N, C-alpha and C. Protein backbone atom coordinates (compact mmCIF):
# COMPACT_ATOMS: atom_id res chain seq x y z
N MET A 1 -8.09 27.35 -77.80
CA MET A 1 -7.86 26.21 -78.47
C MET A 1 -8.33 24.91 -76.94
N SER A 2 -8.61 24.15 -77.11
CA SER A 2 -8.68 22.46 -76.00
C SER A 2 -7.09 22.08 -75.78
N VAL A 3 -6.25 22.47 -76.77
CA VAL A 3 -4.96 22.30 -76.30
C VAL A 3 -4.59 23.14 -75.40
N VAL A 4 -4.78 24.24 -75.60
CA VAL A 4 -3.89 25.47 -74.86
C VAL A 4 -4.72 25.04 -73.64
N ARG A 5 -5.62 25.11 -73.70
CA ARG A 5 -6.36 25.04 -71.96
C ARG A 5 -5.89 24.08 -71.32
N ALA A 6 -5.55 22.95 -72.23
CA ALA A 6 -5.01 21.70 -70.99
C ALA A 6 -3.58 21.62 -70.78
N LEU A 7 -2.55 22.82 -71.85
CA LEU A 7 -1.66 22.58 -71.11
C LEU A 7 -1.17 24.05 -70.28
N LEU A 8 -2.08 24.78 -69.85
CA LEU A 8 -2.16 25.63 -68.96
C LEU A 8 -2.55 24.73 -67.58
N LEU A 9 -3.91 24.04 -67.48
CA LEU A 9 -4.16 23.31 -66.32
C LEU A 9 -3.12 22.53 -65.93
N LEU A 10 -2.21 22.04 -67.07
CA LEU A 10 -1.58 20.75 -66.64
C LEU A 10 0.00 21.15 -65.70
N LEU A 11 0.48 22.32 -66.61
CA LEU A 11 1.10 23.64 -66.18
C LEU A 11 1.76 23.24 -64.37
N VAL A 12 0.53 23.45 -64.00
CA VAL A 12 0.55 23.80 -62.00
C VAL A 12 0.75 22.35 -61.61
N VAL A 13 0.94 21.03 -62.08
CA VAL A 13 1.09 20.44 -61.34
C VAL A 13 2.35 19.51 -61.85
N LEU A 14 3.36 21.02 -62.31
CA LEU A 14 4.95 20.43 -63.12
C LEU A 14 5.89 20.41 -60.65
N GLY A 15 5.27 20.66 -60.01
CA GLY A 15 6.06 20.47 -59.07
C GLY A 15 7.10 21.27 -58.68
N SER A 16 6.99 22.48 -59.52
CA SER A 16 8.34 23.56 -59.20
C SER A 16 8.05 24.67 -59.46
N TRP A 17 6.19 24.51 -59.39
CA TRP A 17 6.25 26.51 -58.87
C TRP A 17 5.44 27.11 -57.61
N SER A 18 5.82 28.01 -57.36
CA SER A 18 5.97 28.66 -56.07
C SER A 18 4.26 29.42 -55.74
N THR A 19 3.26 28.95 -55.21
CA THR A 19 2.07 29.45 -54.72
C THR A 19 2.01 30.54 -54.57
N SER A 20 2.83 31.06 -54.03
CA SER A 20 3.12 32.50 -53.22
C SER A 20 3.96 33.49 -54.13
N ALA A 21 4.30 32.78 -55.67
CA ALA A 21 5.17 33.78 -56.38
C ALA A 21 4.24 35.32 -56.89
N ALA A 22 5.01 36.11 -57.32
CA ALA A 22 3.82 37.01 -57.93
C ALA A 22 3.22 36.97 -59.04
N ALA A 23 3.01 37.64 -59.93
CA ALA A 23 1.86 37.47 -60.50
C ALA A 23 3.26 37.49 -62.40
N SER A 24 4.01 38.08 -61.89
CA SER A 24 4.93 38.24 -62.93
C SER A 24 6.12 36.76 -63.04
N THR A 25 5.81 36.05 -62.00
CA THR A 25 6.55 34.52 -61.96
C THR A 25 5.45 33.42 -61.93
N TYR A 26 3.92 33.99 -61.91
CA TYR A 26 3.34 32.23 -61.59
C TYR A 26 3.47 31.16 -62.41
N THR A 27 3.88 31.67 -63.85
CA THR A 27 4.84 30.40 -64.82
C THR A 27 5.66 29.93 -64.66
N LYS A 28 6.86 30.54 -63.59
CA LYS A 28 7.93 30.18 -63.44
C LYS A 28 8.54 28.77 -63.07
N THR A 29 9.41 27.81 -63.62
CA THR A 29 9.39 26.87 -63.30
C THR A 29 11.42 26.71 -63.00
N ARG A 30 11.62 25.33 -62.08
CA ARG A 30 12.60 25.62 -61.87
C ARG A 30 13.74 25.29 -62.92
N TYR A 31 13.09 24.68 -64.14
CA TYR A 31 13.70 24.24 -65.09
C TYR A 31 13.17 24.62 -66.40
N PRO A 32 13.81 25.27 -67.52
CA PRO A 32 12.84 25.04 -68.74
C PRO A 32 12.00 24.36 -69.21
N ILE A 33 10.80 24.89 -69.87
CA ILE A 33 10.26 24.13 -70.85
C ILE A 33 10.42 24.36 -72.02
N VAL A 34 10.21 23.11 -72.56
CA VAL A 34 10.26 22.43 -74.37
C VAL A 34 9.04 22.20 -74.66
N LEU A 35 8.43 22.62 -75.38
CA LEU A 35 7.33 21.82 -76.01
C LEU A 35 7.36 21.57 -77.23
N VAL A 36 6.56 20.37 -78.00
CA VAL A 36 7.00 18.80 -78.60
C VAL A 36 5.73 18.97 -79.08
N HIS A 37 5.82 19.26 -80.62
CA HIS A 37 4.89 19.48 -81.49
C HIS A 37 4.20 18.05 -82.15
N GLY A 38 3.05 17.55 -82.30
CA GLY A 38 2.66 16.21 -82.94
C GLY A 38 3.25 15.97 -84.82
N LEU A 39 2.03 15.01 -85.01
CA LEU A 39 2.11 14.90 -86.41
C LEU A 39 1.37 15.81 -87.31
N LEU A 40 2.60 15.90 -88.38
CA LEU A 40 2.16 17.46 -88.93
C LEU A 40 2.62 18.66 -88.47
N GLY A 41 3.59 18.38 -87.63
CA GLY A 41 3.73 19.69 -86.53
C GLY A 41 4.99 20.51 -86.67
N PHE A 42 5.11 21.76 -86.00
CA PHE A 42 5.90 22.87 -86.31
C PHE A 42 6.20 22.99 -85.10
N ASP A 43 7.16 24.37 -85.77
CA ASP A 43 6.90 25.27 -84.09
C ASP A 43 6.32 26.46 -84.51
N SER A 44 6.58 26.78 -85.58
CA SER A 44 6.07 27.72 -86.28
C SER A 44 6.19 27.99 -87.70
N LEU A 45 5.46 28.51 -88.63
CA LEU A 45 5.20 28.75 -89.78
C LEU A 45 5.71 30.03 -90.49
N ILE A 46 6.84 30.38 -91.05
CA ILE A 46 7.19 31.63 -91.76
C ILE A 46 7.13 32.42 -90.36
N GLY A 47 7.29 31.74 -89.49
CA GLY A 47 7.48 33.21 -88.19
C GLY A 47 5.86 34.07 -87.75
N ILE A 48 5.01 33.38 -88.30
CA ILE A 48 3.54 33.98 -87.79
C ILE A 48 2.44 32.95 -87.42
N TYR A 49 2.79 32.09 -87.71
CA TYR A 49 1.61 30.78 -87.20
C TYR A 49 2.49 29.81 -86.57
N ASP A 50 1.88 30.01 -85.03
CA ASP A 50 2.25 28.88 -84.42
C ASP A 50 1.56 28.05 -83.85
N TYR A 51 2.45 26.97 -83.58
CA TYR A 51 1.30 25.32 -83.96
C TYR A 51 1.18 25.66 -82.01
N PHE A 52 1.20 26.66 -81.25
CA PHE A 52 0.73 26.26 -79.77
C PHE A 52 0.12 27.50 -79.39
N TYR A 53 -0.08 27.99 -80.55
CA TYR A 53 -0.83 29.27 -80.73
C TYR A 53 -0.98 30.72 -79.43
N GLY A 54 0.32 30.97 -79.52
CA GLY A 54 0.98 32.00 -78.53
C GLY A 54 1.43 31.27 -77.42
N LEU A 55 0.69 30.40 -76.91
CA LEU A 55 1.69 30.02 -75.37
C LEU A 55 2.35 29.94 -75.01
N PRO A 56 3.76 29.75 -76.17
CA PRO A 56 5.53 30.47 -75.43
C PRO A 56 5.42 31.52 -74.62
N GLN A 57 4.70 32.38 -75.35
CA GLN A 57 4.54 33.79 -75.44
C GLN A 57 3.76 34.62 -74.02
N ASP A 58 2.02 33.16 -73.37
CA ASP A 58 1.91 33.64 -72.51
C ASP A 58 2.59 33.15 -70.92
N LEU A 59 3.77 31.97 -70.87
CA LEU A 59 4.19 31.14 -70.32
C LEU A 59 5.22 31.92 -69.96
N ARG A 60 5.95 32.75 -71.31
CA ARG A 60 7.32 33.97 -70.89
C ARG A 60 6.94 35.16 -70.25
N SER A 61 5.72 35.32 -70.62
CA SER A 61 5.22 36.44 -69.50
C SER A 61 5.07 36.15 -68.04
N GLY A 62 4.76 34.88 -67.90
CA GLY A 62 4.40 34.64 -66.70
C GLY A 62 6.28 34.32 -65.82
N GLY A 63 7.09 34.30 -66.06
CA GLY A 63 8.53 34.07 -65.86
C GLY A 63 8.78 32.68 -66.68
N ALA A 64 8.57 32.39 -67.12
CA ALA A 64 8.96 31.12 -67.99
C ALA A 64 10.20 30.77 -68.70
N THR A 65 11.16 30.28 -68.75
CA THR A 65 11.65 30.20 -69.94
C THR A 65 11.25 28.56 -70.45
N VAL A 66 11.00 29.16 -71.79
CA VAL A 66 10.11 28.06 -72.96
C VAL A 66 10.99 28.25 -74.11
N TYR A 67 10.76 26.89 -74.82
CA TYR A 67 11.61 26.83 -76.17
C TYR A 67 10.48 25.62 -77.21
N VAL A 68 10.24 26.41 -78.26
CA VAL A 68 9.61 25.52 -78.89
C VAL A 68 10.86 24.36 -80.06
N ALA A 69 10.38 23.24 -79.67
CA ALA A 69 11.01 22.08 -80.49
C ALA A 69 10.86 22.08 -81.78
N ASN A 70 11.25 21.55 -82.83
CA ASN A 70 10.97 21.38 -84.85
C ASN A 70 11.43 20.23 -85.00
N VAL A 71 10.88 19.04 -84.85
CA VAL A 71 11.37 17.96 -85.05
C VAL A 71 10.65 17.33 -86.23
N SER A 72 10.96 16.26 -87.17
CA SER A 72 10.51 16.17 -87.96
C SER A 72 8.92 16.15 -88.04
N SER A 73 8.33 16.50 -89.11
CA SER A 73 6.55 16.33 -88.66
C SER A 73 5.90 15.10 -88.93
N SER A 74 6.39 14.23 -89.68
CA SER A 74 6.27 12.60 -89.56
C SER A 74 7.32 11.97 -89.83
N ASN A 75 7.47 11.36 -88.64
CA ASN A 75 8.64 10.36 -89.20
C ASN A 75 8.19 8.87 -87.63
N TYR A 76 9.40 8.17 -87.38
CA TYR A 76 9.13 7.25 -86.17
C TYR A 76 9.69 8.00 -84.96
N THR A 77 9.03 7.11 -83.92
CA THR A 77 8.91 7.94 -82.20
C THR A 77 10.48 7.94 -82.49
N GLU A 78 11.39 7.34 -82.07
CA GLU A 78 12.56 6.98 -82.34
C GLU A 78 13.52 8.18 -83.18
N VAL A 79 12.88 8.41 -84.18
CA VAL A 79 13.77 9.45 -85.16
C VAL A 79 13.51 10.99 -84.29
N ARG A 80 12.32 10.92 -84.46
CA ARG A 80 11.81 12.47 -83.84
C ARG A 80 12.20 12.22 -82.22
N GLY A 81 12.65 11.32 -81.47
CA GLY A 81 13.54 11.29 -80.16
C GLY A 81 14.66 11.79 -80.37
N GLU A 82 15.49 11.01 -81.35
CA GLU A 82 17.05 11.63 -81.29
C GLU A 82 17.27 13.12 -81.81
N GLN A 83 15.99 13.08 -82.45
CA GLN A 83 15.87 14.81 -82.95
C GLN A 83 15.98 15.91 -81.98
N LEU A 84 15.17 15.35 -80.89
CA LEU A 84 15.08 16.01 -79.60
C LEU A 84 16.09 16.40 -78.76
N ILE A 85 16.94 15.41 -78.92
CA ILE A 85 17.94 14.75 -77.66
C ILE A 85 18.85 15.43 -78.28
N ARG A 86 19.12 16.00 -79.67
CA ARG A 86 19.77 16.67 -80.38
C ARG A 86 19.56 18.29 -80.16
N ASP A 87 18.21 19.03 -80.48
CA ASP A 87 17.90 20.05 -79.52
C ASP A 87 18.05 20.50 -77.83
N LEU A 88 18.06 19.15 -76.84
CA LEU A 88 18.34 19.48 -75.60
C LEU A 88 19.58 19.75 -75.77
N ASP A 89 20.65 19.09 -76.28
CA ASP A 89 22.20 18.76 -75.73
C ASP A 89 22.55 20.17 -76.22
N THR A 90 21.55 20.59 -77.60
CA THR A 90 22.65 21.91 -78.02
C THR A 90 21.89 22.95 -77.04
N LEU A 91 20.83 23.14 -76.46
CA LEU A 91 20.26 24.01 -75.18
C LEU A 91 20.93 23.76 -74.14
N ARG A 92 21.50 22.77 -73.63
CA ARG A 92 21.98 22.77 -72.36
C ARG A 92 23.50 23.36 -72.89
N ALA A 93 24.12 23.09 -73.97
CA ALA A 93 25.57 23.44 -74.31
C ALA A 93 25.82 24.82 -74.30
N VAL A 94 24.56 25.23 -75.15
CA VAL A 94 24.57 26.63 -75.19
C VAL A 94 24.22 28.40 -73.84
N TYR A 95 23.23 27.04 -73.62
CA TYR A 95 22.95 28.23 -71.77
C TYR A 95 22.89 27.75 -70.85
N GLY A 96 23.36 26.46 -70.70
CA GLY A 96 23.56 25.78 -68.99
C GLY A 96 22.53 25.33 -68.45
N HIS A 97 21.58 24.92 -69.18
CA HIS A 97 20.39 24.37 -68.34
C HIS A 97 21.04 22.18 -68.47
N SER A 98 20.52 22.60 -66.69
CA SER A 98 20.86 21.20 -66.50
C SER A 98 19.72 20.05 -66.85
N ARG A 99 18.23 20.16 -66.65
CA ARG A 99 17.36 19.30 -67.15
C ARG A 99 16.03 20.34 -67.97
N PHE A 100 15.55 19.96 -68.47
CA PHE A 100 14.13 20.08 -69.03
C PHE A 100 12.40 19.89 -68.52
N ASN A 101 11.76 20.54 -68.53
CA ASN A 101 10.60 20.02 -68.45
C ASN A 101 9.77 19.87 -70.14
N LEU A 102 9.48 18.64 -70.48
CA LEU A 102 8.88 18.01 -71.82
C LEU A 102 7.45 18.36 -71.84
N ILE A 103 7.09 18.80 -72.93
CA ILE A 103 5.46 18.69 -72.94
C ILE A 103 5.40 18.35 -74.26
N GLY A 104 4.23 17.23 -74.54
CA GLY A 104 4.46 16.78 -75.73
C GLY A 104 2.81 16.73 -76.45
N HIS A 105 2.47 17.43 -77.46
CA HIS A 105 1.41 16.86 -77.49
C HIS A 105 1.10 15.96 -78.82
N SER A 106 0.06 15.39 -79.00
CA SER A 106 -0.13 13.99 -79.82
C SER A 106 1.23 12.89 -79.86
N HIS A 107 1.46 13.06 -81.23
CA HIS A 107 3.04 12.31 -81.44
C HIS A 107 4.08 12.81 -80.25
N GLY A 108 3.78 14.17 -80.12
CA GLY A 108 4.72 14.84 -79.23
C GLY A 108 5.20 14.11 -77.94
N GLY A 109 3.90 13.34 -77.30
CA GLY A 109 3.90 12.71 -76.21
C GLY A 109 4.72 11.29 -76.12
N PRO A 110 4.66 10.36 -77.13
CA PRO A 110 5.69 9.20 -77.46
C PRO A 110 6.96 9.76 -77.57
N THR A 111 7.20 10.85 -78.21
CA THR A 111 8.30 11.13 -78.47
C THR A 111 9.18 11.59 -77.20
N ILE A 112 8.82 12.32 -76.21
CA ILE A 112 9.06 13.16 -74.98
C ILE A 112 9.32 11.81 -74.15
N ARG A 113 8.42 10.67 -74.50
CA ARG A 113 8.79 9.40 -73.26
C ARG A 113 10.14 8.81 -74.00
N TYR A 114 10.54 9.00 -75.06
CA TYR A 114 11.59 7.79 -75.57
C TYR A 114 12.84 9.16 -75.32
N VAL A 115 12.90 10.25 -75.07
CA VAL A 115 13.87 11.05 -74.61
C VAL A 115 14.42 10.68 -72.96
N ALA A 116 13.31 10.92 -72.36
CA ALA A 116 13.15 10.58 -70.95
C ALA A 116 13.59 9.12 -70.95
N SER A 117 13.80 8.07 -71.30
CA SER A 117 13.68 6.48 -71.43
C SER A 117 15.74 6.79 -71.52
N VAL A 118 15.86 7.14 -72.80
CA VAL A 118 17.24 6.96 -73.34
C VAL A 118 18.24 7.86 -72.57
N ARG A 119 17.34 9.08 -72.20
CA ARG A 119 18.54 10.09 -71.71
C ARG A 119 17.59 10.69 -70.39
N PRO A 120 17.29 9.92 -69.50
CA PRO A 120 16.98 10.71 -68.30
C PRO A 120 17.71 11.76 -67.41
N ASP A 121 19.03 12.01 -67.83
CA ASP A 121 19.57 12.59 -67.50
C ASP A 121 19.23 14.27 -68.19
N LEU A 122 18.48 14.27 -69.07
CA LEU A 122 18.11 15.71 -69.58
C LEU A 122 16.54 16.13 -69.26
N VAL A 123 16.02 15.07 -68.41
CA VAL A 123 14.61 15.51 -68.42
C VAL A 123 14.31 15.47 -67.08
N ALA A 124 13.58 16.50 -66.68
CA ALA A 124 13.03 17.06 -64.86
C ALA A 124 11.75 16.35 -64.97
N SER A 125 10.72 16.49 -66.07
CA SER A 125 9.31 16.23 -65.96
C SER A 125 9.11 16.10 -67.33
N ILE A 126 7.91 15.10 -67.63
CA ILE A 126 6.96 14.63 -69.12
C ILE A 126 5.91 15.07 -68.48
N THR A 127 5.24 16.03 -69.51
CA THR A 127 3.88 15.69 -69.74
C THR A 127 3.37 15.42 -71.04
N SER A 128 2.58 14.52 -71.45
CA SER A 128 1.52 14.47 -72.50
C SER A 128 0.46 14.93 -72.83
N VAL A 129 -0.46 15.23 -73.70
CA VAL A 129 -1.49 15.62 -73.87
C VAL A 129 -2.27 15.32 -74.94
N GLY A 130 -3.22 15.19 -75.13
CA GLY A 130 -3.91 13.89 -76.17
C GLY A 130 -2.79 13.28 -76.80
N SER A 131 -1.88 12.41 -76.48
CA SER A 131 -1.00 11.76 -77.15
C SER A 131 -1.88 9.43 -76.94
N PRO A 132 -1.23 9.07 -78.52
CA PRO A 132 -1.64 7.84 -78.58
C PRO A 132 -0.62 7.17 -78.12
N HIS A 133 -0.44 7.12 -76.79
CA HIS A 133 0.51 6.61 -76.26
C HIS A 133 0.03 4.94 -76.59
N ARG A 134 -1.14 4.25 -76.56
CA ARG A 134 -1.07 2.71 -77.32
C ARG A 134 -1.57 2.59 -78.56
N GLY A 135 -1.50 3.59 -79.46
CA GLY A 135 -1.61 3.67 -81.13
C GLY A 135 -2.77 4.79 -81.37
N SER A 136 -2.77 4.40 -82.38
CA SER A 136 -4.32 5.59 -83.28
C SER A 136 -5.32 4.66 -83.66
N ASP A 137 -6.41 4.66 -83.52
CA ASP A 137 -7.35 4.22 -84.55
C ASP A 137 -7.32 4.80 -86.06
N VAL A 138 -7.22 6.28 -86.13
CA VAL A 138 -6.77 6.70 -87.55
C VAL A 138 -5.37 5.79 -88.05
N ALA A 139 -4.29 5.83 -87.64
CA ALA A 139 -4.15 4.96 -88.02
C ALA A 139 -3.55 3.55 -88.61
N ASP A 140 -4.11 2.67 -87.41
CA ASP A 140 -4.71 1.62 -87.79
C ASP A 140 -5.90 1.58 -88.63
N GLY A 141 -6.68 2.80 -88.91
CA GLY A 141 -7.36 2.73 -89.96
C GLY A 141 -6.98 2.24 -91.46
N ILE A 142 -6.10 3.48 -91.44
CA ILE A 142 -5.20 3.44 -92.77
C ILE A 142 -4.64 2.58 -92.82
N ALA A 143 -3.54 1.90 -92.04
CA ALA A 143 -3.17 1.12 -92.27
C ALA A 143 -3.57 -0.45 -93.11
N THR A 144 -5.08 -0.58 -92.39
CA THR A 144 -6.13 -1.53 -93.31
C THR A 144 -6.60 -1.19 -94.66
N VAL A 145 -6.72 0.12 -94.50
CA VAL A 145 -7.50 0.28 -96.04
C VAL A 145 -6.00 0.42 -97.66
N ALA A 146 -4.78 0.80 -97.01
CA ALA A 146 -3.23 1.14 -97.41
C ALA A 146 -2.37 -0.07 -96.90
N PRO A 147 -2.50 -1.69 -96.77
CA PRO A 147 -1.51 -1.96 -96.27
C PRO A 147 -0.27 -1.95 -96.66
N PRO A 148 0.90 -1.84 -95.43
CA PRO A 148 2.86 -1.55 -95.90
C PRO A 148 2.75 -2.61 -97.25
N GLY A 149 3.29 -1.53 -98.11
CA GLY A 149 3.76 -2.37 -99.42
C GLY A 149 2.88 -2.41 -100.05
N SER A 150 1.59 -1.52 -99.94
CA SER A 150 0.52 -1.91 -101.53
C SER A 150 0.49 -0.62 -102.21
N VAL A 151 0.41 -0.48 -103.25
CA VAL A 151 0.41 0.89 -104.35
C VAL A 151 -0.91 2.15 -103.29
N GLN A 152 -1.53 1.64 -102.48
CA GLN A 152 -2.62 2.71 -101.52
C GLN A 152 -1.18 3.46 -100.95
N ALA A 153 -0.80 1.85 -100.43
CA ALA A 153 -0.05 3.07 -99.01
C ALA A 153 1.36 4.15 -99.62
N SER A 154 1.81 3.76 -100.66
CA SER A 154 3.15 4.30 -101.02
C SER A 154 1.97 5.62 -102.20
N LEU A 155 1.06 5.38 -102.36
CA LEU A 155 -0.12 6.60 -102.40
C LEU A 155 -0.10 7.86 -101.18
N VAL A 156 -0.87 7.09 -99.99
CA VAL A 156 -0.56 7.83 -99.18
C VAL A 156 0.98 8.53 -98.18
N ALA A 157 1.54 7.61 -98.30
CA ALA A 157 2.90 7.93 -98.04
C ALA A 157 3.66 9.01 -98.25
N GLY A 158 3.21 9.09 -100.35
CA GLY A 158 3.59 9.87 -100.63
C GLY A 158 3.29 11.86 -100.64
N LEU A 159 2.09 11.29 -100.71
CA LEU A 159 1.25 12.59 -100.40
C LEU A 159 1.65 13.11 -98.79
N VAL A 160 1.76 12.61 -98.09
CA VAL A 160 2.27 13.07 -96.29
C VAL A 160 3.33 13.54 -96.38
N ASN A 161 4.30 12.50 -97.02
CA ASN A 161 5.88 13.13 -97.11
C ASN A 161 5.55 14.67 -97.92
N ALA A 162 4.52 14.85 -98.90
CA ALA A 162 4.76 16.24 -99.58
C ALA A 162 4.83 17.22 -98.34
N LEU A 163 3.17 17.11 -98.31
CA LEU A 163 2.93 18.21 -96.98
C LEU A 163 3.84 17.78 -95.75
N SER A 164 4.65 17.29 -95.44
CA SER A 164 5.74 17.31 -94.28
C SER A 164 7.17 18.39 -94.85
N VAL A 165 7.21 17.74 -96.17
CA VAL A 165 8.37 18.42 -96.37
C VAL A 165 8.34 20.10 -97.02
N PHE A 166 7.14 20.41 -97.39
CA PHE A 166 6.31 21.76 -97.31
C PHE A 166 6.28 22.31 -96.06
N ILE A 167 5.87 21.81 -94.68
CA ILE A 167 6.19 22.22 -93.67
C ILE A 167 7.08 22.74 -93.06
N GLU A 168 7.52 21.67 -93.12
CA GLU A 168 9.78 21.88 -92.78
C GLU A 168 9.95 22.95 -93.36
N PHE A 169 9.89 23.07 -94.84
CA PHE A 169 9.98 24.65 -95.30
C PHE A 169 9.49 25.76 -95.20
N LEU A 170 8.00 26.10 -94.58
CA LEU A 170 7.70 26.60 -94.18
C LEU A 170 8.41 27.23 -92.51
N SER A 171 8.71 26.08 -91.99
CA SER A 171 9.38 26.40 -90.67
C SER A 171 10.68 26.56 -90.67
N GLY A 172 11.28 26.78 -91.52
CA GLY A 172 12.91 26.64 -91.68
C GLY A 172 13.47 25.49 -91.74
N ASP A 173 13.14 24.32 -91.26
CA ASP A 173 13.77 23.07 -90.87
C ASP A 173 13.94 22.25 -92.17
N ASP A 174 14.54 21.21 -91.64
CA ASP A 174 14.83 20.81 -93.29
C ASP A 174 14.90 18.61 -92.66
N ASP A 175 14.89 18.54 -91.13
CA ASP A 175 14.38 17.40 -91.20
C ASP A 175 14.08 16.56 -91.66
N PRO A 176 14.44 15.26 -91.93
CA PRO A 176 13.72 13.92 -93.05
C PRO A 176 12.50 13.66 -92.59
N GLN A 177 11.62 13.56 -93.40
CA GLN A 177 10.17 12.72 -92.98
C GLN A 177 10.33 11.00 -93.28
N ASP A 178 9.25 10.47 -92.89
CA ASP A 178 9.08 9.23 -93.48
C ASP A 178 7.79 8.92 -92.53
N ALA A 179 6.84 9.45 -93.59
CA ALA A 179 5.12 9.03 -93.59
C ALA A 179 4.58 7.64 -93.12
N LEU A 180 5.47 6.49 -93.83
CA LEU A 180 5.23 5.10 -93.35
C LEU A 180 5.94 5.08 -92.05
N GLY A 181 6.44 5.42 -91.49
CA GLY A 181 7.25 5.64 -90.29
C GLY A 181 6.79 6.13 -89.80
N ALA A 182 5.89 7.10 -89.41
CA ALA A 182 4.97 7.74 -88.50
C ALA A 182 3.56 6.61 -88.13
N LEU A 183 3.11 6.63 -89.49
CA LEU A 183 2.35 5.30 -89.36
C LEU A 183 2.61 4.35 -88.70
N ILE A 184 3.60 3.51 -88.76
CA ILE A 184 3.75 2.62 -88.06
C ILE A 184 4.00 2.85 -86.50
N SER A 185 4.83 3.77 -85.80
CA SER A 185 4.63 4.28 -84.55
C SER A 185 3.39 4.48 -84.08
N LEU A 186 2.20 4.80 -84.90
CA LEU A 186 1.47 5.74 -84.25
C LEU A 186 0.52 4.39 -84.86
N SER A 187 0.79 3.84 -85.25
CA SER A 187 -0.45 2.30 -84.78
C SER A 187 -0.33 1.84 -83.54
N SER A 188 -1.43 0.60 -83.37
CA SER A 188 -1.54 -0.61 -81.88
C SER A 188 -0.61 -1.17 -81.61
N SER A 189 0.20 -1.63 -83.02
CA SER A 189 0.86 -2.49 -82.97
C SER A 189 2.56 -1.78 -82.67
N GLY A 190 2.65 -0.83 -83.71
CA GLY A 190 3.80 -0.11 -83.39
C GLY A 190 4.13 0.66 -81.66
N ALA A 191 2.94 1.16 -81.32
CA ALA A 191 2.73 1.48 -79.99
C ALA A 191 3.01 0.33 -78.93
N ALA A 192 2.81 -0.62 -79.25
CA ALA A 192 2.91 -1.58 -78.15
C ALA A 192 4.11 -1.91 -77.97
N ALA A 193 4.99 -2.18 -79.22
CA ALA A 193 6.14 -2.55 -79.36
C ALA A 193 7.14 -1.12 -78.58
N PHE A 194 7.06 -0.30 -78.88
CA PHE A 194 7.40 0.83 -78.20
C PHE A 194 6.91 1.18 -76.68
N ASN A 195 5.78 0.36 -76.44
CA ASN A 195 5.80 0.55 -74.80
C ASN A 195 6.69 -0.18 -74.18
N ALA A 196 6.62 -1.47 -74.63
CA ALA A 196 7.71 -2.75 -74.46
C ALA A 196 9.20 -2.39 -74.67
N ALA A 197 9.51 -1.67 -75.15
CA ALA A 197 11.06 -0.81 -75.21
C ALA A 197 10.96 0.00 -74.05
N HIS A 198 10.06 0.61 -73.61
CA HIS A 198 10.13 1.74 -72.87
C HIS A 198 9.07 2.23 -71.94
N PRO A 199 8.98 1.46 -71.15
CA PRO A 199 7.72 1.55 -70.51
C PRO A 199 7.78 2.21 -69.28
N GLN A 200 8.97 3.24 -68.90
CA GLN A 200 8.38 4.10 -68.01
C GLN A 200 7.03 4.86 -68.11
N GLY A 201 6.41 4.75 -66.90
CA GLY A 201 5.20 5.66 -66.78
C GLY A 201 3.80 5.03 -67.39
N MET A 202 4.19 4.10 -67.74
CA MET A 202 2.88 3.34 -68.62
C MET A 202 2.24 2.73 -68.00
N PRO A 203 0.87 2.48 -67.88
CA PRO A 203 -0.03 1.99 -66.96
C PRO A 203 -0.51 0.31 -67.49
N SER A 204 -0.71 -0.36 -66.49
CA SER A 204 -0.44 -1.74 -67.05
C SER A 204 -1.87 -2.30 -67.84
N SER A 205 -2.89 -1.02 -67.45
CA SER A 205 -4.42 -1.30 -68.32
C SER A 205 -4.68 0.72 -68.49
N SER A 206 -5.99 0.27 -69.59
CA SER A 206 -6.27 1.39 -70.17
C SER A 206 -6.66 2.25 -68.75
N CYS A 207 -7.20 1.88 -67.67
CA CYS A 207 -7.82 2.74 -67.00
C CYS A 207 -6.49 3.03 -65.43
N GLY A 208 -5.74 2.28 -65.97
CA GLY A 208 -4.53 1.91 -64.82
C GLY A 208 -4.01 3.39 -64.22
N GLN A 209 -3.28 3.22 -63.20
CA GLN A 209 -1.80 4.36 -63.35
C GLN A 209 -0.82 3.51 -63.33
N GLY A 210 0.15 4.42 -64.20
CA GLY A 210 1.45 4.57 -63.99
C GLY A 210 2.17 5.09 -63.22
N ALA A 211 3.90 4.50 -63.17
CA ALA A 211 4.58 5.00 -61.62
C ALA A 211 4.42 6.71 -62.20
N SER A 212 4.22 7.72 -61.27
CA SER A 212 4.19 8.74 -61.25
C SER A 212 5.86 9.25 -61.25
N VAL A 213 6.60 8.36 -60.59
CA VAL A 213 7.97 9.20 -60.64
C VAL A 213 8.93 7.96 -61.12
N VAL A 214 9.64 8.26 -62.29
CA VAL A 214 11.00 7.07 -62.95
C VAL A 214 12.06 7.72 -63.43
N ASN A 215 13.02 7.37 -62.66
CA ASN A 215 14.69 7.68 -62.51
C ASN A 215 14.69 8.69 -62.26
N GLY A 216 13.52 9.03 -61.59
CA GLY A 216 13.88 10.83 -60.79
C GLY A 216 13.14 12.14 -61.59
N ILE A 217 12.43 11.53 -62.56
CA ILE A 217 11.39 11.86 -63.68
C ILE A 217 9.84 12.46 -63.80
N ARG A 218 9.46 12.61 -63.18
CA ARG A 218 7.16 12.92 -62.78
C ARG A 218 7.40 12.63 -64.33
N TYR A 219 6.56 12.01 -64.24
CA TYR A 219 5.35 11.50 -65.26
C TYR A 219 3.71 12.35 -65.32
N TYR A 220 3.56 13.12 -66.21
CA TYR A 220 2.07 13.42 -66.21
C TYR A 220 1.28 13.07 -67.91
N SER A 221 0.02 13.02 -67.79
CA SER A 221 -1.05 12.87 -68.46
C SER A 221 -2.11 14.09 -68.76
N VAL A 222 -2.31 14.09 -69.67
CA VAL A 222 -3.68 14.72 -70.11
C VAL A 222 -4.77 14.11 -71.46
N GLY A 223 -5.57 13.32 -71.45
CA GLY A 223 -5.82 12.85 -72.30
C GLY A 223 -5.02 11.36 -73.08
N GLY A 224 -5.61 11.13 -74.03
CA GLY A 224 -4.47 10.85 -74.33
C GLY A 224 -4.87 9.03 -74.75
N THR A 225 -4.77 8.41 -74.99
CA THR A 225 -5.19 6.54 -75.51
C THR A 225 -3.83 5.99 -74.21
């Protein structure tokens, strides 16, 4: 899968790798890696089907400490971010980790940016993969044909919420779902409001380059908008 290839490539720039490390430690990082799924995502379904297609196991085999987060399949970016903070605080308390390298796919990108913004003490680096930081054309299109408050919007939200609840059930989680919240967060207007509140690492233009280090956190991005 292209997402897996991108994740493997971008890990080499996390800054904490040893180029002379043996093969058994070639993926080892100073801080643990936490993978964060996107819209309608999960950690694994019934313990068999992984969202990240075996990537955690491959990274662990090379010496990395890897966790896979499971936040709401569909919800506001801020809600998903607070759920991730909850999980990171738990990992810190149980295992003694001080900070984490966060990697987010799709909606996971804005989610980890939120965490880096409000809880920089938890984060060593963030890497977004294929993330709609300036909004999604799909979300804007849905909002056009099913504007908020319309019957169409209610139908779409009902279907997506039902699917999200089913995904949560199969993944053994029960976080709340809010399809309309996800749609708002992923729209261009919602993304603009989010970026204004949490501007860290964002370039001033679509082809620009944002700050690579903010509050001691390294920012990386592969693909996305």
